Structure formats: structure tokens, C-alpha cells
Amino acid sequence: MVAKKGTSDSDFEKLLEQYDYNFKKGDLVKGVICGFDSHGVLVDIGAKTTALIPTYEAVEKGENPEDKFEKGQEGEFLIIREEDEDGRFFLSKKKVDFAYAWKDLEKAKETDETILGTVVNVVKGGVLVEVAGIRGFIPSSQLRVKETDLEVGSKIELKILTLDVQQNNFILSNKKVYDDNVEETRKTVFSQLEVGQIVSGEVVRITDFGAFVDIGGVDGLLPLSQLSWRWIDHPTDILHVGDKINVEVILVDHDKQRISLSLKKLEPDPWDEAEKNIKEGDKVEGSVTRLKYFGAFVEVYPGVEALLPHDEVVEYQNDKQVIIQVGDKIETYIIKFNPADRRIALSIHPQAASEVSDDSVE
């Protein structure tokens, strides 16, 4: 540097002191955004020349630095390359943000905090998510929902299982959020539930043996036998995941932490009505609901099934030259009606019904 004419030696020394700094690669420095050029963002960090944040160290690919930064904006930056021949330092903003994000995640893990992640991709064995600009992985075993049910861009609540900055390893769990919350929720729900209580819920899962209904944060089982007074082959005949329904609590097992529910108990018992409207000896027309090796079940009153024995099913088919199928309507006679045991026996023979009537007269 050449002193200007008329500048004293002492003034020249003071001028040099302005640039007496000791910045080096790896230092975290404060600076002020002072402009932009084709290479990136210009920052005044108190050096001889303005420092540069290359575009790739300032923003993500495809983003415009001028949309993220403003002139006069203060910030912290990491020196990633020491002075070049022009005295310019190269900085990174992304690495600073990345470091602070890791610190926040470490704190979240220590406090077992629930954090929010954004689904980036669904891959084999799990889901990739982004949290504060850092990508992590949720194994399928740590998801409460199927990974195929998640869409890219959707938000999901998570807890951190493992965090290794050196290895850039970041494993998360969605299931743990539910598991940690459910215990407290379960205690509250169980303390409030009583047998006979009517509650509202949402169908969250369907199996061959019934449906699971979320009743305020705890899943109760709605067994297949409790879906309807009528015969149901599978829960999907009348229910779908997401359905909002009212159910009656029929069992609260505090020891096993189980809740059983009923849908059919919200409807009148059809056997009570059947007892008023049908009797032994009556001729009835009904629909075949089930075929078993020991006979055919026939719905002789809405929600009430009766049994036609196998030998009479065979005889009926031989006489009519048909093969009985589920859904067929057939005429039969009630030869035994026991409402208390919920059993009705049928026959295709009128004389069998007559014998019943004669016995009742005697």
C-alpha cells in the first residue's frame, strides 16, 4: 500500500491498524450484507475487501440469493477459504445454519421434544424427511401409519432416536410420539369410561375379526359379532377406515388395558320384535344368509336367523331341482322357536309344523 501525498507516518500507521485482523479458515465471523454480484453475496466482515458467499453456499439450488438476503442484514458466517491474491475471504451461510440446526436437534433429543418434519421421499424400508434443513430417516417400524399413506411435502410429528453429527446419521420415530403420548391419554380415557356408555369414535383399522375405533386417543375393539344384528361376512361390508361412528362400551378391562365396543347395541334387539311377530308353526319366507355343512341359515325376520338342517336342504334341492345359494329366498316352517336361547329350527315340511301346532294345543 502506498501512502497518499501529504499523509504523515502516524496517519499511515493508523490506516494500517484498520486492517490488523487475524481471520483464518474455520473461523465464525460476524458481517453485514453489502451487495450481490454474479458469483454470490458480498459481505463486509471488516477485512481489506468485502468477503464473498458463493451462491452454492448461500442458498439451495435454483434459489435466488436476493430473495433470501437483504442489504444491511447482519449475520454470522463461516470462513471456508482464506484470503486469495485479491485479499478476499470466502464464506458460507449454509454451514452456519446447518451447525445451529444440529445444535437445536441435539437439544430436542436431550429434552425428548416432539419436532415437525417434512416428507421428502418414500424409499424402501422407510421415509426420508427434512427437519430444519437436515435430512433424516424414519424406518418403517417407527411409523404409526403405512409409509405409502404419506405424501411428499406432508408434515409429520417426530421424535429423535439417534443423532450422530460426525456420521451425519439422523434417525427418527413417528411411533414414539404416539407411544409416549398414549400412556397419559390411556389413563385419562380409562378413568372416564363405563360399560353402557355411548361414545363417538373414528374407524382407524379393519381386520378380519373386527374394527379398531379411536375413542379419544385410545383404540377400542369393535368385534365382528358386535357390528350388526344381521350376519356380516367381513367388517368392510358396512365400515371403512375414516368412518365416524357412535358405539356402546361393553367391556373395560383395566388390567389388560382393553376396551370392547358394540355397534349393534345401539339398535333395537330384533329377537324382541320377532317374539311378538312369529311363532312355532308359522310358514315364513326368508333369505339364505349362510351355508354350512350342517345346514343353511335363513333370515326369517330382519336380523333373526333360523337353521334349516342339512338333510332338509338336500331334500329341498332335490325336490326343486336347484342348488341353494346365499341370497336365495325360500319358504319354510318354524318348528321350534326359543327366543331366550336365540334359536329357531326350520323344516320344509308342512306336517312338521302341524305336529308342532298339535303339540301346543295338547
Protein backbone atom coordinates (compact mmCIF):
# COMPACT_ATOMS: atom_id res chain seq x y z
CA MET A 1 0.00 0.00 0.00
CA VAL A 2 1.39 3.44 -0.96
CA ALA A 3 0.75 6.42 1.34
CA LYS A 4 -1.05 9.32 -0.26
CA LYS A 5 0.92 12.53 -0.66
CA GLY A 6 0.61 14.65 2.43
CA THR A 7 -0.14 11.71 4.71
CA SER A 8 2.08 11.55 7.78
CA ASP A 9 3.74 8.37 9.01
CA SER A 10 1.48 8.28 12.08
CA ASP A 11 -1.64 8.62 9.91
CA PHE A 12 -0.38 5.82 7.73
CA GLU A 13 0.13 3.53 10.77
CA LYS A 14 -3.42 4.22 11.94
CA LEU A 15 -4.69 3.35 8.46
CA LEU A 16 -2.86 0.01 8.57
CA GLU A 17 -4.30 -0.76 12.01
CA GLN A 18 -7.76 -0.77 10.48
CA TYR A 19 -6.80 -3.93 8.65
CA ASP A 20 -4.99 -5.60 11.54
CA TYR A 21 -7.10 -8.76 11.68
CA ASN A 22 -6.31 -12.42 12.06
CA PHE A 23 -9.10 -14.23 10.24
CA LYS A 24 -8.47 -17.81 9.21
CA LYS A 25 -10.30 -20.74 7.68
CA GLY A 26 -12.83 -22.24 10.08
CA ASP A 27 -13.48 -19.01 11.98
CA LEU A 28 -17.02 -17.89 12.68
CA VAL A 29 -17.28 -14.18 11.91
CA LYS A 30 -19.96 -11.52 12.00
CA GLY A 31 -20.70 -9.43 8.98
CA VAL A 32 -23.16 -7.24 7.12
CA ILE A 33 -24.61 -7.97 3.68
CA CYS A 34 -23.48 -5.15 1.41
CA GLY A 35 -24.37 -6.30 -2.08
CA PHE A 36 -24.68 -9.01 -4.70
CA ASP A 37 -22.77 -9.96 -7.84
CA SER A 38 -22.86 -12.78 -10.36
CA HIS A 39 -20.87 -15.05 -8.02
CA GLY A 40 -22.95 -14.64 -4.90
CA VAL A 41 -23.45 -12.41 -1.86
CA LEU A 42 -20.99 -9.69 -0.78
CA VAL A 43 -20.35 -9.33 2.95
CA ASP A 44 -18.40 -6.76 4.96
CA ILE A 45 -16.57 -8.63 7.73
CA GLY A 46 -14.03 -5.87 8.48
CA ALA A 47 -11.32 -7.16 6.17
CA LYS A 48 -9.45 -5.23 3.47
CA THR A 49 -12.01 -6.24 0.88
CA THR A 50 -15.55 -7.49 1.00
CA ALA A 51 -15.91 -11.21 1.50
CA LEU A 52 -17.97 -13.42 -0.79
CA ILE A 53 -20.57 -16.06 -0.07
CA PRO A 54 -20.66 -18.16 -3.25
CA THR A 55 -24.22 -18.77 -4.40
CA TYR A 56 -23.98 -22.51 -3.62
CA GLU A 57 -23.02 -21.65 -0.02
CA ALA A 58 -25.80 -19.07 0.34
CA VAL A 59 -28.95 -20.74 -0.99
CA GLU A 60 -30.26 -24.05 -2.30
CA LYS A 61 -30.00 -24.92 -5.96
CA GLY A 62 -32.43 -22.90 -8.05
CA GLU A 63 -32.95 -20.21 -5.40
CA ASN A 64 -32.04 -16.55 -5.83
CA PRO A 65 -29.78 -15.08 -3.08
CA GLU A 66 -31.54 -11.72 -3.38
CA ASP A 67 -34.77 -13.41 -2.29
CA LYS A 68 -33.16 -14.63 0.92
CA PHE A 69 -30.81 -11.79 1.88
CA GLU A 70 -31.15 -8.01 2.12
CA LYS A 71 -28.55 -5.25 2.10
CA GLY A 72 -27.73 -4.21 5.65
CA GLN A 73 -28.72 -7.60 7.05
CA GLU A 74 -26.38 -8.77 9.80
CA GLY A 75 -25.40 -12.38 10.33
CA GLU A 76 -22.80 -14.99 11.25
CA PHE A 77 -20.71 -16.65 8.58
CA LEU A 78 -18.07 -19.37 8.39
CA ILE A 79 -14.77 -18.71 6.61
CA ILE A 80 -14.31 -21.62 4.21
CA ARG A 81 -11.33 -20.23 2.28
CA GLU A 82 -8.68 -17.79 3.42
CA GLU A 83 -7.69 -14.65 1.55
CA ASP A 84 -6.96 -15.06 -2.14
CA GLU A 85 -4.49 -12.85 -4.00
CA ASP A 86 -7.05 -10.05 -4.01
CA GLY A 87 -7.45 -10.26 -0.23
CA ARG A 88 -10.96 -11.74 -0.43
CA PHE A 89 -12.29 -14.30 2.03
CA PHE A 90 -14.87 -16.89 1.01
CA LEU A 91 -17.74 -17.55 3.39
CA SER A 92 -20.60 -19.97 3.93
CA LYS A 93 -24.02 -19.22 5.39
CA LYS A 94 -25.44 -22.70 4.83
CA LYS A 95 -22.80 -24.35 7.01
CA VAL A 96 -23.57 -21.96 9.88
CA ASP A 97 -27.28 -22.63 9.60
CA PHE A 98 -26.52 -26.35 9.39
CA ALA A 99 -24.41 -26.23 12.57
CA TYR A 100 -27.07 -24.35 14.51
CA ALA A 101 -29.71 -26.76 13.24
CA TRP A 102 -27.70 -29.72 14.59
CA LYS A 103 -27.42 -27.95 17.94
CA ASP A 104 -31.19 -27.46 18.04
CA LEU A 105 -31.70 -31.13 17.19
CA GLU A 106 -29.28 -32.22 19.94
CA LYS A 107 -31.27 -30.13 22.40
CA ALA A 108 -34.54 -31.63 21.13
CA LYS A 109 -33.15 -35.12 21.66
CA GLU A 110 -31.95 -34.32 25.17
CA THR A 111 -35.37 -32.97 26.16
CA ASP A 112 -37.26 -35.67 24.20
CA GLU A 113 -39.08 -32.90 22.35
CA THR A 114 -41.58 -33.58 19.58
CA ILE A 115 -40.48 -31.95 16.32
CA LEU A 116 -42.12 -31.48 12.94
CA GLY A 117 -40.62 -32.96 9.78
CA THR A 118 -41.47 -32.69 6.09
CA VAL A 119 -41.70 -35.86 3.98
CA VAL A 120 -39.09 -35.70 1.22
CA ASN A 121 -39.32 -39.19 -0.25
CA VAL A 122 -40.74 -42.64 0.43
CA VAL A 123 -38.00 -45.25 -0.02
CA LYS A 124 -37.56 -48.94 0.60
CA GLY A 125 -37.74 -49.59 4.32
CA GLY A 126 -38.95 -46.18 5.41
CA VAL A 127 -39.35 -42.48 4.74
CA LEU A 128 -36.88 -39.62 4.22
CA VAL A 129 -37.81 -36.40 5.99
CA GLU A 130 -36.29 -32.94 6.37
CA VAL A 131 -36.10 -31.15 9.70
CA ALA A 132 -34.59 -27.64 9.83
CA GLY A 133 -32.77 -28.29 6.56
CA ILE A 134 -31.32 -31.62 7.70
CA ARG A 135 -32.43 -34.91 6.19
CA GLY A 136 -33.27 -37.81 8.44
CA PHE A 137 -34.71 -41.29 8.07
CA ILE A 138 -37.79 -42.91 9.64
CA PRO A 139 -37.66 -46.74 9.46
CA SER A 140 -40.95 -48.41 8.57
CA SER A 141 -41.00 -49.99 12.03
CA GLN A 142 -41.09 -46.49 13.56
CA LEU A 143 -44.13 -45.30 11.60
CA ARG A 144 -47.62 -45.48 13.06
CA VAL A 145 -49.06 -45.20 9.55
CA LYS A 146 -48.07 -47.02 6.37
CA GLU A 147 -45.29 -45.22 4.52
CA THR A 148 -47.39 -45.47 1.34
CA ASP A 149 -50.05 -43.33 3.05
CA LEU A 150 -47.60 -40.42 3.34
CA GLU A 151 -47.25 -37.89 0.56
CA VAL A 152 -44.17 -35.86 -0.32
CA GLY A 153 -44.48 -32.46 1.34
CA SER A 154 -46.77 -33.64 4.13
CA LYS A 155 -45.88 -32.81 7.75
CA ILE A 156 -45.36 -35.48 10.38
CA GLU A 157 -44.67 -35.34 14.14
CA LEU A 158 -41.41 -37.00 15.16
CA LYS A 159 -39.04 -37.77 18.00
CA ILE A 160 -35.30 -38.32 17.61
CA LEU A 161 -33.98 -41.84 18.17
CA THR A 162 -30.30 -41.37 17.24
CA LEU A 163 -28.24 -38.34 16.29
CA ASP A 164 -24.62 -38.54 15.11
CA VAL A 165 -23.22 -35.30 13.70
CA GLN A 166 -19.88 -36.88 12.73
CA GLN A 167 -21.54 -39.65 10.73
CA ASN A 168 -24.39 -37.39 9.57
CA ASN A 169 -26.74 -40.02 10.95
CA PHE A 170 -30.22 -38.85 11.90
CA ILE A 171 -32.86 -41.49 12.76
CA LEU A 172 -36.39 -40.50 13.80
CA SER A 173 -39.60 -42.09 15.03
CA ASN A 174 -43.23 -41.22 14.46
CA LYS A 175 -44.42 -44.18 16.51
CA LYS A 176 -42.58 -42.96 19.62
CA VAL A 177 -44.62 -39.73 19.58
CA TYR A 178 -47.78 -41.80 19.75
CA ASP A 179 -46.38 -44.30 22.29
CA ASP A 180 -45.20 -41.55 24.65
CA ASN A 181 -48.49 -39.69 24.47
CA VAL A 182 -50.79 -42.68 24.56
CA GLU A 183 -49.98 -43.75 28.12
CA GLU A 184 -51.20 -40.49 29.62
CA THR A 185 -54.15 -40.41 27.24
CA ARG A 186 -54.98 -44.02 28.06
CA LYS A 187 -55.09 -43.30 31.79
CA THR A 188 -57.47 -40.40 31.22
CA VAL A 189 -59.77 -42.34 28.89
CA PHE A 190 -59.89 -45.43 31.11
CA SER A 191 -60.74 -43.32 34.15
CA GLN A 192 -63.75 -41.87 32.32
CA LEU A 193 -65.17 -44.92 30.51
CA GLU A 194 -68.02 -47.01 31.87
CA VAL A 195 -69.85 -50.05 30.49
CA GLY A 196 -73.03 -48.91 28.75
CA GLN A 197 -71.61 -45.51 27.85
CA ILE A 198 -72.18 -44.24 24.28
CA VAL A 199 -69.05 -42.69 22.75
CA SER A 200 -68.06 -41.25 19.39
CA GLY A 201 -65.04 -42.55 17.50
CA GLU A 202 -63.27 -42.98 14.19
CA VAL A 203 -62.54 -46.29 12.48
CA VAL A 204 -58.73 -46.44 12.25
CA ARG A 205 -58.08 -50.08 11.32
CA ILE A 206 -60.07 -53.02 9.97
CA THR A 207 -59.19 -56.71 10.38
CA ASP A 208 -60.95 -59.99 9.61
CA PHE A 209 -62.17 -60.21 13.21
CA GLY A 210 -63.44 -56.67 13.62
CA ALA A 211 -62.55 -52.99 13.55
CA PHE A 212 -60.47 -50.75 15.79
CA VAL A 213 -62.10 -47.48 16.72
CA ASP A 214 -60.22 -44.46 18.11
CA ILE A 215 -62.29 -43.12 21.01
CA GLY A 216 -60.41 -40.06 22.19
CA GLY A 217 -56.85 -41.27 21.63
CA VAL A 218 -57.28 -44.91 22.63
CA ASP A 219 -58.26 -47.73 20.28
CA GLY A 220 -61.18 -49.95 21.24
CA LEU A 221 -62.09 -53.21 19.51
CA LEU A 222 -65.41 -53.47 17.73
CA PRO A 223 -65.71 -57.27 17.20
CA LEU A 224 -67.29 -58.70 14.07
CA SER A 225 -70.11 -60.16 16.18
CA GLN A 226 -70.94 -56.67 17.52
CA LEU A 227 -71.22 -54.92 14.17
CA SER A 228 -74.81 -55.79 13.33
CA TRP A 229 -77.73 -57.99 14.36
CA ARG A 230 -77.60 -59.29 10.81
CA TRP A 231 -74.92 -61.66 9.59
CA ILE A 232 -71.81 -59.85 8.40
CA ASP A 233 -69.10 -61.68 6.42
CA HIS A 234 -66.45 -59.00 6.89
CA PRO A 235 -66.30 -55.59 8.64
CA THR A 236 -65.78 -53.87 5.28
CA ASP A 237 -69.34 -54.86 4.40
CA ILE A 238 -70.53 -51.91 6.50
CA LEU A 239 -67.43 -49.98 7.67
CA HIS A 240 -64.46 -48.17 6.14
CA VAL A 241 -61.35 -46.60 7.63
CA GLY A 242 -62.11 -42.98 8.47
CA ASP A 243 -65.80 -43.56 9.22
CA LYS A 244 -67.11 -41.57 12.20
CA ILE A 245 -69.46 -43.72 14.29
CA ASN A 246 -71.16 -43.92 17.68
CA VAL A 247 -70.57 -47.10 19.68
CA GLU A 248 -71.53 -48.50 23.07
CA VAL A 249 -68.86 -49.57 25.55
CA ILE A 250 -69.48 -53.22 26.51
CA LEU A 251 -66.19 -54.01 28.31
CA VAL A 252 -63.50 -52.01 30.10
CA ASP A 253 -60.62 -54.24 31.24
CA HIS A 254 -58.28 -52.09 33.35
CA ASP A 255 -55.81 -54.94 33.97
CA LYS A 256 -55.33 -55.83 30.30
CA GLN A 257 -55.98 -52.26 29.14
CA ARG A 258 -58.63 -53.36 26.67
CA ILE A 259 -61.88 -51.80 25.55
CA SER A 260 -64.62 -53.66 23.70
CA LEU A 261 -67.32 -51.84 21.77
CA SER A 262 -70.65 -52.58 20.13
CA LEU A 263 -72.43 -51.01 17.19
CA LYS A 264 -75.43 -53.30 17.13
CA LYS A 265 -76.43 -52.49 20.72
CA LEU A 266 -77.43 -49.03 19.54
CA GLU A 267 -80.23 -50.70 17.54
CA PRO A 268 -83.31 -52.47 18.98
CA ASP A 269 -82.84 -56.20 19.58
CA PRO A 270 -84.66 -57.88 16.62
CA TRP A 271 -85.31 -61.02 18.68
CA ASP A 272 -87.62 -58.99 20.93
CA GLU A 273 -89.64 -57.93 17.88
CA ALA A 274 -89.52 -61.42 16.36
CA GLU A 275 -91.03 -62.88 19.53
CA LYS A 276 -94.03 -60.62 19.05
CA ASN A 277 -94.50 -61.37 15.36
CA ILE A 278 -93.68 -65.04 14.71
CA LYS A 279 -94.48 -68.32 16.45
CA GLU A 280 -93.97 -72.04 16.09
CA GLY A 281 -95.97 -73.49 13.22
CA ASP A 282 -95.79 -70.32 11.09
CA LYS A 283 -94.94 -70.52 7.41
CA VAL A 284 -92.22 -67.96 6.65
CA GLU A 285 -90.26 -66.78 3.65
CA GLY A 286 -86.64 -65.84 4.26
CA SER A 287 -83.29 -65.23 2.60
CA VAL A 288 -80.41 -67.69 2.88
CA THR A 289 -77.55 -65.92 4.69
CA ARG A 290 -75.04 -68.73 5.24
CA LEU A 291 -74.42 -72.28 4.07
CA LYS A 292 -72.70 -74.72 6.45
CA TYR A 293 -72.04 -78.45 6.33
CA PHE A 294 -74.80 -78.94 8.92
CA GLY A 295 -77.42 -76.81 7.20
CA ALA A 296 -78.48 -73.40 5.90
CA PHE A 297 -79.12 -70.25 7.91
CA VAL A 298 -82.18 -68.35 6.80
CA GLU A 299 -83.14 -64.81 7.86
CA VAL A 300 -86.81 -65.27 8.77
CA TYR A 301 -87.19 -61.82 10.37
CA PRO A 302 -84.91 -58.75 9.93
CA GLY A 303 -81.78 -59.56 11.92
CA VAL A 304 -83.03 -63.00 13.05
CA GLU A 305 -81.58 -66.21 11.59
CA ALA A 306 -83.04 -69.72 11.78
CA LEU A 307 -81.47 -73.07 10.87
CA LEU A 308 -82.70 -75.44 8.17
CA PRO A 309 -80.94 -78.79 8.77
CA HIS A 310 -78.65 -80.26 6.10
CA ASP A 311 -80.85 -83.25 5.25
CA GLU A 312 -83.77 -80.92 4.55
CA VAL A 313 -81.57 -78.63 2.46
CA VAL A 314 -80.69 -81.67 0.32
CA GLU A 315 -84.34 -82.71 0.13
CA TYR A 316 -85.39 -79.17 -0.87
CA GLN A 317 -82.75 -79.06 -3.61
CA ASN A 318 -83.80 -82.49 -4.96
CA ASP A 319 -87.47 -81.57 -4.96
CA LYS A 320 -86.96 -78.15 -6.60
CA GLN A 321 -84.07 -79.26 -8.83
CA VAL A 322 -82.00 -76.27 -7.67
CA ILE A 323 -78.82 -75.61 -5.72
CA ILE A 324 -79.43 -73.27 -2.82
CA GLN A 325 -77.20 -70.19 -2.87
CA VAL A 326 -76.67 -67.37 -0.39
CA GLY A 327 -79.29 -64.73 -1.09
CA ASP A 328 -81.93 -67.16 -2.33
CA LYS A 329 -85.44 -66.79 -0.90
CA ILE A 330 -87.08 -69.98 0.32
CA GLU A 331 -90.30 -70.87 2.15
CA THR A 332 -90.03 -72.90 5.35
CA TYR A 333 -91.96 -73.64 8.53
CA ILE A 334 -90.96 -72.77 12.09
CA ILE A 335 -90.93 -75.96 14.15
CA LYS A 336 -89.05 -74.67 17.19
CA PHE A 337 -88.70 -71.12 18.49
CA ASN A 338 -86.63 -70.41 21.61
CA PRO A 339 -86.17 -66.62 21.96
CA ALA A 340 -84.28 -66.98 25.25
CA ASP A 341 -81.53 -69.04 23.57
CA ARG A 342 -81.96 -67.16 20.27
CA ARG A 343 -82.57 -70.32 18.32
CA ILE A 344 -85.12 -71.18 15.65
CA ALA A 345 -85.40 -74.54 13.89
CA LEU A 346 -86.96 -74.81 10.44
CA SER A 347 -88.46 -77.50 8.24
CA ILE A 348 -89.64 -77.62 4.64
CA HIS A 349 -92.50 -79.97 5.62
CA PRO A 350 -95.93 -78.51 6.48
CA GLN A 351 -96.75 -81.59 8.51
CA ALA A 352 -93.82 -80.88 10.82
CA ALA A 353 -95.37 -77.50 11.57
CA SER A 354 -98.76 -79.16 12.05
CA GLU A 355 -97.31 -81.54 14.60
CA VAL A 356 -95.88 -78.54 16.46
CA SER A 357 -99.29 -76.88 16.45
CA ASP A 358 -100.97 -80.07 17.66
CA ASP A 359 -98.43 -80.44 20.50
CA SER A 360 -99.04 -76.86 21.56
CA VAL A 361 -102.80 -77.47 21.67
CA GLU A 362 -102.35 -80.52 23.84
